[in-house]
Amino acid sequence: MFKYEIIIYWSEDDEAFVAEVPELPGCMAHGETQAAALKNINEAIQLWIDTAMEFGDPIPEPSSGRFVPA
């Protein structure tokens, strides 16, 4: 489980719930329900972190705690 802030909102343009992680630039996901958006954003966070680690990019600390790789 990640400790990053997640913002979920309804997008009329996309006709879906959109989830964003402000601390991870470009990390977004969507879903037909809030629960689906949350599930998808958790997968997106893992992919974002895996990609950053693969390329040696910095991984921002969560504002709510310290990041510890799994």
N, C-alpha and C. Protein backbone atom coordinates (compact mmCIF):
# COMPACT_ATOMS: atom_id res chain seq x y z
N MET A 1 0.84 -1.18 0.00
CA MET A 1 0.00 0.00 0.00
C MET A 1 0.89 1.25 0.00
N PHE A 2 0.46 2.23 -0.74
CA PHE A 2 1.23 3.45 -0.88
C PHE A 2 0.66 4.55 0.02
N LYS A 3 1.49 5.49 0.41
CA LYS A 3 1.05 6.59 1.27
C LYS A 3 0.98 7.91 0.53
N TYR A 4 0.86 7.85 -0.79
CA TYR A 4 0.74 9.07 -1.59
C TYR A 4 -0.70 9.56 -1.56
N GLU A 5 -0.86 10.88 -1.60
CA GLU A 5 -2.18 11.46 -1.70
C GLU A 5 -2.78 11.10 -3.05
N ILE A 6 -4.05 10.68 -3.04
CA ILE A 6 -4.78 10.35 -4.26
C ILE A 6 -6.02 11.22 -4.32
N ILE A 7 -6.21 11.89 -5.44
CA ILE A 7 -7.40 12.72 -5.64
C ILE A 7 -8.26 12.03 -6.69
N ILE A 8 -9.52 11.79 -6.35
CA ILE A 8 -10.46 11.16 -7.29
C ILE A 8 -11.60 12.14 -7.54
N TYR A 9 -11.91 12.34 -8.82
CA TYR A 9 -13.00 13.25 -9.18
C TYR A 9 -13.70 12.74 -10.44
N TRP A 10 -14.92 13.20 -10.64
CA TRP A 10 -15.69 12.85 -11.83
C TRP A 10 -15.31 13.79 -12.96
N SER A 11 -15.05 13.26 -14.13
CA SER A 11 -14.74 14.06 -15.32
C SER A 11 -15.87 13.92 -16.32
N GLU A 12 -16.55 15.02 -16.56
CA GLU A 12 -17.62 15.02 -17.57
C GLU A 12 -17.04 14.73 -18.96
N ASP A 13 -15.86 15.30 -19.24
CA ASP A 13 -15.23 15.10 -20.55
C ASP A 13 -14.93 13.62 -20.82
N ASP A 14 -14.42 12.94 -19.79
CA ASP A 14 -14.05 11.53 -19.94
C ASP A 14 -15.20 10.59 -19.61
N GLU A 15 -16.23 11.12 -18.98
CA GLU A 15 -17.36 10.31 -18.49
C GLU A 15 -16.86 9.15 -17.64
N ALA A 16 -15.94 9.49 -16.72
CA ALA A 16 -15.34 8.49 -15.83
C ALA A 16 -14.80 9.19 -14.60
N PHE A 17 -14.54 8.40 -13.56
CA PHE A 17 -13.84 8.92 -12.40
C PHE A 17 -12.35 8.93 -12.73
N VAL A 18 -11.69 10.02 -12.41
CA VAL A 18 -10.26 10.17 -12.67
C VAL A 18 -9.54 10.23 -11.33
N ALA A 19 -8.43 9.53 -11.24
CA ALA A 19 -7.60 9.53 -10.04
C ALA A 19 -6.23 10.09 -10.41
N GLU A 20 -5.74 11.01 -9.58
CA GLU A 20 -4.43 11.61 -9.79
C GLU A 20 -3.60 11.53 -8.52
N VAL A 21 -2.28 11.46 -8.70
CA VAL A 21 -1.33 11.49 -7.58
C VAL A 21 -0.47 12.72 -7.77
N PRO A 22 -0.78 13.82 -7.08
CA PRO A 22 -0.05 15.07 -7.29
C PRO A 22 1.47 14.97 -7.10
N GLU A 23 1.91 14.09 -6.21
CA GLU A 23 3.34 13.97 -5.92
C GLU A 23 4.12 13.21 -7.00
N LEU A 24 3.40 12.51 -7.88
CA LEU A 24 4.04 11.73 -8.94
C LEU A 24 3.59 12.31 -10.28
N PRO A 25 4.38 13.19 -10.87
CA PRO A 25 3.96 13.87 -12.11
C PRO A 25 3.49 12.91 -13.20
N GLY A 26 2.30 13.17 -13.72
CA GLY A 26 1.76 12.37 -14.80
C GLY A 26 1.09 11.08 -14.38
N CYS A 27 1.07 10.79 -13.09
CA CYS A 27 0.49 9.54 -12.61
C CYS A 27 -1.02 9.73 -12.46
N MET A 28 -1.76 9.14 -13.41
CA MET A 28 -3.22 9.26 -13.44
C MET A 28 -3.81 7.93 -13.89
N ALA A 29 -5.08 7.73 -13.53
CA ALA A 29 -5.83 6.56 -13.97
C ALA A 29 -7.30 6.93 -13.94
N HIS A 30 -8.12 6.07 -14.49
CA HIS A 30 -9.57 6.33 -14.47
C HIS A 30 -10.32 5.02 -14.28
N GLY A 31 -11.62 5.15 -14.02
CA GLY A 31 -12.47 3.98 -13.87
C GLY A 31 -13.93 4.37 -13.93
N GLU A 32 -14.78 3.39 -14.15
CA GLU A 32 -16.22 3.65 -14.23
C GLU A 32 -16.80 3.98 -12.86
N THR A 33 -16.14 3.51 -11.79
CA THR A 33 -16.56 3.81 -10.41
C THR A 33 -15.37 4.36 -9.64
N GLN A 34 -15.64 4.93 -8.47
CA GLN A 34 -14.54 5.41 -7.63
C GLN A 34 -13.64 4.26 -7.22
N ALA A 35 -14.23 3.12 -6.91
CA ALA A 35 -13.45 1.95 -6.51
C ALA A 35 -12.54 1.48 -7.65
N ALA A 36 -13.06 1.49 -8.87
CA ALA A 36 -12.25 1.08 -10.02
C ALA A 36 -11.11 2.06 -10.25
N ALA A 37 -11.39 3.35 -10.11
CA ALA A 37 -10.34 4.37 -10.27
C ALA A 37 -9.26 4.19 -9.22
N LEU A 38 -9.65 3.88 -7.98
CA LEU A 38 -8.68 3.66 -6.91
C LEU A 38 -7.82 2.43 -7.18
N LYS A 39 -8.44 1.35 -7.62
CA LYS A 39 -7.68 0.14 -7.96
C LYS A 39 -6.68 0.44 -9.07
N ASN A 40 -7.15 1.15 -10.09
CA ASN A 40 -6.29 1.45 -11.24
C ASN A 40 -5.16 2.40 -10.88
N ILE A 41 -5.41 3.38 -10.00
CA ILE A 41 -4.36 4.31 -9.65
C ILE A 41 -3.29 3.62 -8.80
N ASN A 42 -3.68 2.65 -7.98
CA ASN A 42 -2.67 1.92 -7.22
C ASN A 42 -1.75 1.13 -8.14
N GLU A 43 -2.31 0.57 -9.21
CA GLU A 43 -1.47 -0.11 -10.21
C GLU A 43 -0.58 0.90 -10.93
N ALA A 44 -1.14 2.08 -11.24
CA ALA A 44 -0.37 3.12 -11.93
C ALA A 44 0.78 3.63 -11.06
N ILE A 45 0.53 3.75 -9.75
CA ILE A 45 1.60 4.18 -8.83
C ILE A 45 2.74 3.17 -8.87
N GLN A 46 2.40 1.89 -8.79
CA GLN A 46 3.45 0.86 -8.82
C GLN A 46 4.24 0.93 -10.13
N LEU A 47 3.55 1.10 -11.25
CA LEU A 47 4.24 1.20 -12.54
C LEU A 47 5.12 2.45 -12.59
N TRP A 48 4.62 3.57 -12.04
CA TRP A 48 5.38 4.82 -12.02
C TRP A 48 6.67 4.61 -11.24
N ILE A 49 6.56 4.00 -10.06
CA ILE A 49 7.73 3.77 -9.20
C ILE A 49 8.68 2.78 -9.86
N ASP A 50 8.17 1.69 -10.42
CA ASP A 50 9.02 0.70 -11.09
C ASP A 50 9.80 1.35 -12.23
N THR A 51 9.14 2.19 -13.01
CA THR A 51 9.80 2.86 -14.14
C THR A 51 10.87 3.83 -13.64
N ALA A 52 10.55 4.59 -12.60
CA ALA A 52 11.53 5.53 -12.04
C ALA A 52 12.76 4.77 -11.53
N MET A 53 12.54 3.66 -10.86
CA MET A 53 13.66 2.86 -10.33
C MET A 53 14.49 2.29 -11.48
N GLU A 54 13.83 1.83 -12.53
CA GLU A 54 14.53 1.24 -13.67
C GLU A 54 15.46 2.26 -14.34
N PHE A 55 15.01 3.51 -14.43
CA PHE A 55 15.79 4.54 -15.09
C PHE A 55 16.62 5.39 -14.14
N GLY A 56 16.59 5.06 -12.86
CA GLY A 56 17.38 5.80 -11.88
C GLY A 56 16.84 7.20 -11.60
N ASP A 57 15.56 7.41 -11.88
CA ASP A 57 14.95 8.71 -11.62
C ASP A 57 14.58 8.82 -10.14
N PRO A 58 14.57 10.03 -9.61
CA PRO A 58 14.21 10.20 -8.20
C PRO A 58 12.73 9.87 -7.96
N ILE A 59 12.46 9.31 -6.82
CA ILE A 59 11.09 9.00 -6.42
C ILE A 59 10.73 9.93 -5.27
N PRO A 60 9.76 10.80 -5.48
CA PRO A 60 9.39 11.75 -4.43
C PRO A 60 8.90 11.03 -3.17
N GLU A 61 9.24 11.59 -2.02
CA GLU A 61 8.74 11.07 -0.76
C GLU A 61 7.26 11.41 -0.64
N PRO A 62 6.45 10.48 -0.15
CA PRO A 62 5.05 10.83 0.12
C PRO A 62 5.00 11.91 1.19
N SER A 63 4.09 12.85 1.06
CA SER A 63 3.99 13.90 2.07
C SER A 63 3.53 13.33 3.41
N SER A 64 2.93 12.13 3.38
CA SER A 64 2.43 11.54 4.62
C SER A 64 3.38 10.52 5.23
N GLY A 65 4.56 10.35 4.66
CA GLY A 65 5.49 9.38 5.23
C GLY A 65 6.61 9.07 4.27
N ARG A 66 7.47 8.12 4.66
CA ARG A 66 8.64 7.77 3.88
C ARG A 66 8.30 6.63 2.92
N PHE A 67 8.82 6.71 1.66
CA PHE A 67 8.64 5.65 0.68
C PHE A 67 9.63 4.53 0.97
N VAL A 68 9.12 3.31 1.02
CA VAL A 68 9.96 2.14 1.20
C VAL A 68 9.64 1.18 0.06
N PRO A 69 10.61 0.91 -0.84
CA PRO A 69 10.35 0.01 -1.97
C PRO A 69 9.96 -1.38 -1.47
N ALA A 70 9.06 -2.01 -2.20
CA ALA A 70 8.61 -3.37 -1.82
C ALA A 70 9.64 -4.40 -2.19
